[in-house]
Amino acid sequence: MLIVLYSCGAGTAKPGADLEEARKAIAASNAIYFEAFAKGDSSIFIDRYAEDCCIMAPEAPQLCGPIAPLEFFRIAYNGIGLRNGKFTTTAIYGDGVEYVTEEGLWESFDASGKRFDNGKFLVLWKKTAKGWKMYRDSFSSNNKPQS
């Protein structure tokens, strides 16, 4: 009896679930994310994030709220010298209704095109009235901090 009950509900998707929609939106967002740094245009970067986002960078306090993306952009652009990068999504998990989690790898490049850092990330994406937006952004380097 338990097997019958389990098998009846195992393949049932939640109403409105569309992981493929989320996957496409994430790919589109990731494709233009680093354009913000290449063009020096923070508005492109800010638009990737939900208004109630938190960015959790390594070796720094988390930045939360509507001004967090601008604060982080200024740090990355002016302080670190980030001018381009690359995301490689390795997996997307979730039901595709309200939230999905993206797992992947990233690379960062300076103004001369030299890679200066790389690592891994987990991003919790949230479906908002403006589409899929980064809600929690957490990442870490594969390299030891420079002294």
Protein backbone atom coordinates (compact mmCIF):
# COMPACT_ATOMS: atom_id res chain seq x y z
CA MET A 1 0.00 0.00 0.00
CA LEU A 2 2.82 2.45 0.85
CA ILE A 3 4.44 1.82 -2.52
CA VAL A 4 1.19 2.68 -4.32
CA LEU A 5 0.70 5.88 -2.29
CA TYR A 6 4.31 6.96 -2.85
CA SER A 7 4.25 6.24 -6.58
CA CYS A 8 1.06 8.26 -7.05
CA GLY A 9 2.63 11.43 -5.66
CA ALA A 10 6.25 10.97 -6.75
CA GLY A 11 5.90 12.43 -10.23
CA THR A 12 3.44 15.18 -9.41
CA ALA A 13 4.79 18.65 -10.17
CA LYS A 14 3.62 21.66 -8.22
CA PRO A 15 1.17 23.87 -10.10
CA GLY A 16 3.04 26.54 -12.05
CA ALA A 17 6.38 24.73 -11.84
CA ASP A 18 8.65 25.44 -14.78
CA LEU A 19 12.31 24.73 -14.11
CA GLU A 20 13.08 25.26 -17.81
CA GLU A 21 11.77 28.84 -17.63
CA ALA A 22 14.05 29.50 -14.64
CA ARG A 23 16.99 27.83 -16.38
CA LYS A 24 16.57 30.08 -19.46
CA ALA A 25 16.17 33.24 -17.36
CA ILE A 26 19.29 32.42 -15.35
CA ALA A 27 21.32 31.78 -18.51
CA ALA A 28 20.13 35.10 -19.98
CA SER A 29 20.98 37.00 -16.79
CA ASN A 30 24.40 35.36 -16.51
CA ALA A 31 25.15 36.16 -20.15
CA ILE A 32 24.97 39.91 -19.45
CA TYR A 33 26.11 40.03 -15.79
CA PHE A 34 29.74 40.84 -16.55
CA GLU A 35 28.79 43.39 -19.24
CA ALA A 36 28.18 45.73 -16.30
CA PHE A 37 31.90 45.64 -15.48
CA ALA A 38 33.09 45.73 -19.09
CA LYS A 39 30.93 48.83 -19.71
CA GLY A 40 31.29 50.35 -16.22
CA ASP A 41 27.47 50.38 -16.00
CA SER A 42 26.18 49.50 -12.53
CA SER A 43 22.54 49.49 -13.69
CA ILE A 44 23.12 46.24 -15.62
CA PHE A 45 24.53 44.65 -12.47
CA ILE A 46 21.82 45.99 -10.15
CA ASP A 47 19.08 44.61 -12.40
CA ARG A 48 20.32 41.04 -11.85
CA TYR A 49 19.28 41.19 -8.16
CA ALA A 50 16.02 41.15 -6.20
CA GLU A 51 15.38 44.25 -4.10
CA ASP A 52 15.62 42.15 -0.91
CA CYS A 53 18.83 40.39 -1.94
CA CYS A 54 21.91 39.55 0.10
CA ILE A 55 25.38 39.27 -1.42
CA MET A 56 27.70 37.12 0.66
CA ALA A 57 31.25 37.62 -0.56
CA PRO A 58 34.20 35.89 1.09
CA GLU A 59 36.09 37.70 3.83
CA ALA A 60 33.44 40.44 4.05
CA PRO A 61 30.17 41.10 5.85
CA GLN A 62 27.07 40.33 3.83
CA LEU A 63 25.45 43.20 1.95
CA CYS A 64 21.65 43.15 2.00
CA GLY A 65 18.79 45.21 0.65
CA PRO A 66 18.12 47.37 -2.38
CA ILE A 67 21.49 49.18 -2.25
CA ALA A 68 23.57 45.99 -1.81
CA PRO A 69 24.19 45.43 -5.55
CA LEU A 70 25.43 49.00 -6.04
CA GLU A 71 27.70 48.73 -2.99
CA PHE A 72 29.14 45.45 -4.24
CA PHE A 73 29.56 46.77 -7.80
CA ARG A 74 31.57 49.74 -6.49
CA ILE A 75 33.81 47.45 -4.43
CA ALA A 76 34.39 45.02 -7.31
CA TYR A 77 34.83 47.69 -9.99
CA ASN A 78 36.80 50.35 -8.12
CA GLY A 79 38.49 48.35 -5.37
CA ILE A 80 39.23 45.03 -7.04
CA GLY A 81 39.45 46.10 -10.68
CA LEU A 82 36.93 43.57 -12.01
CA ARG A 83 36.27 44.24 -15.70
CA ASN A 84 34.93 40.95 -17.02
CA GLY A 85 34.19 37.38 -16.05
CA LYS A 86 32.54 34.13 -16.85
CA PHE A 87 29.94 31.91 -15.18
CA THR A 88 29.64 28.19 -15.80
CA THR A 89 26.42 26.76 -14.39
CA THR A 90 26.90 23.14 -13.32
CA ALA A 91 23.44 22.46 -11.84
CA ILE A 92 20.08 24.02 -11.11
CA TYR A 93 17.89 22.65 -8.33
CA GLY A 94 14.37 23.45 -7.22
CA ASP A 95 10.72 23.35 -8.14
CA GLY A 96 10.74 26.34 -10.51
CA VAL A 97 7.81 27.99 -8.75
CA GLU A 98 9.24 30.58 -6.33
CA TYR A 99 12.91 29.69 -5.84
CA VAL A 100 15.66 27.74 -7.56
CA THR A 101 19.30 27.25 -6.62
CA GLU A 102 22.08 27.57 -9.16
CA GLU A 103 25.47 25.94 -8.57
CA GLY A 104 28.50 26.75 -10.65
CA LEU A 105 31.97 28.08 -11.27
CA TRP A 106 33.17 31.62 -11.95
CA GLU A 107 36.23 33.41 -13.30
CA SER A 108 37.19 37.08 -12.91
CA PHE A 109 39.29 39.13 -15.35
CA ASP A 110 41.02 42.52 -15.07
CA ALA A 111 41.14 45.34 -17.64
CA SER A 112 43.92 43.60 -19.60
CA GLY A 113 41.89 40.39 -19.85
CA LYS A 114 44.07 38.53 -17.36
CA ARG A 115 42.25 36.10 -15.07
CA PHE A 116 42.98 37.12 -11.50
CA ASP A 117 40.58 34.88 -9.57
CA ASN A 118 38.25 31.91 -9.90
CA GLY A 119 35.99 29.89 -7.66
CA LYS A 120 32.57 28.40 -7.07
CA PHE A 121 29.14 29.79 -6.21
CA LEU A 122 25.64 29.03 -5.04
CA VAL A 123 22.88 31.47 -5.96
CA LEU A 124 19.33 31.25 -4.67
CA TRP A 125 17.12 32.78 -7.37
CA LYS A 126 13.70 34.22 -6.56
CA LYS A 127 10.83 34.66 -8.98
CA THR A 128 9.67 38.26 -8.67
CA ALA A 129 7.21 40.46 -10.55
CA LYS A 130 10.23 41.49 -12.67
CA GLY A 131 11.25 37.89 -13.41
CA TRP A 132 13.92 35.63 -11.90
CA LYS A 133 16.35 37.64 -9.77
CA MET A 134 19.33 36.75 -7.60
CA TYR A 135 18.07 36.60 -4.01
CA ARG A 136 21.05 35.13 -2.14
CA ASP A 137 24.46 35.24 -3.82
CA SER A 138 27.25 33.34 -2.11
CA PHE A 139 30.65 32.62 -3.61
CA SER A 140 34.20 31.75 -2.66
CA SER A 141 37.60 31.73 -4.32
CA ASN A 142 39.58 28.62 -5.13
CA ASN A 143 42.73 30.59 -4.28
CA LYS A 144 44.38 31.62 -1.04
CA PRO A 145 43.93 35.29 -0.10
CA GLN A 146 46.84 37.50 -1.11
CA SER A 147 48.62 39.22 1.75
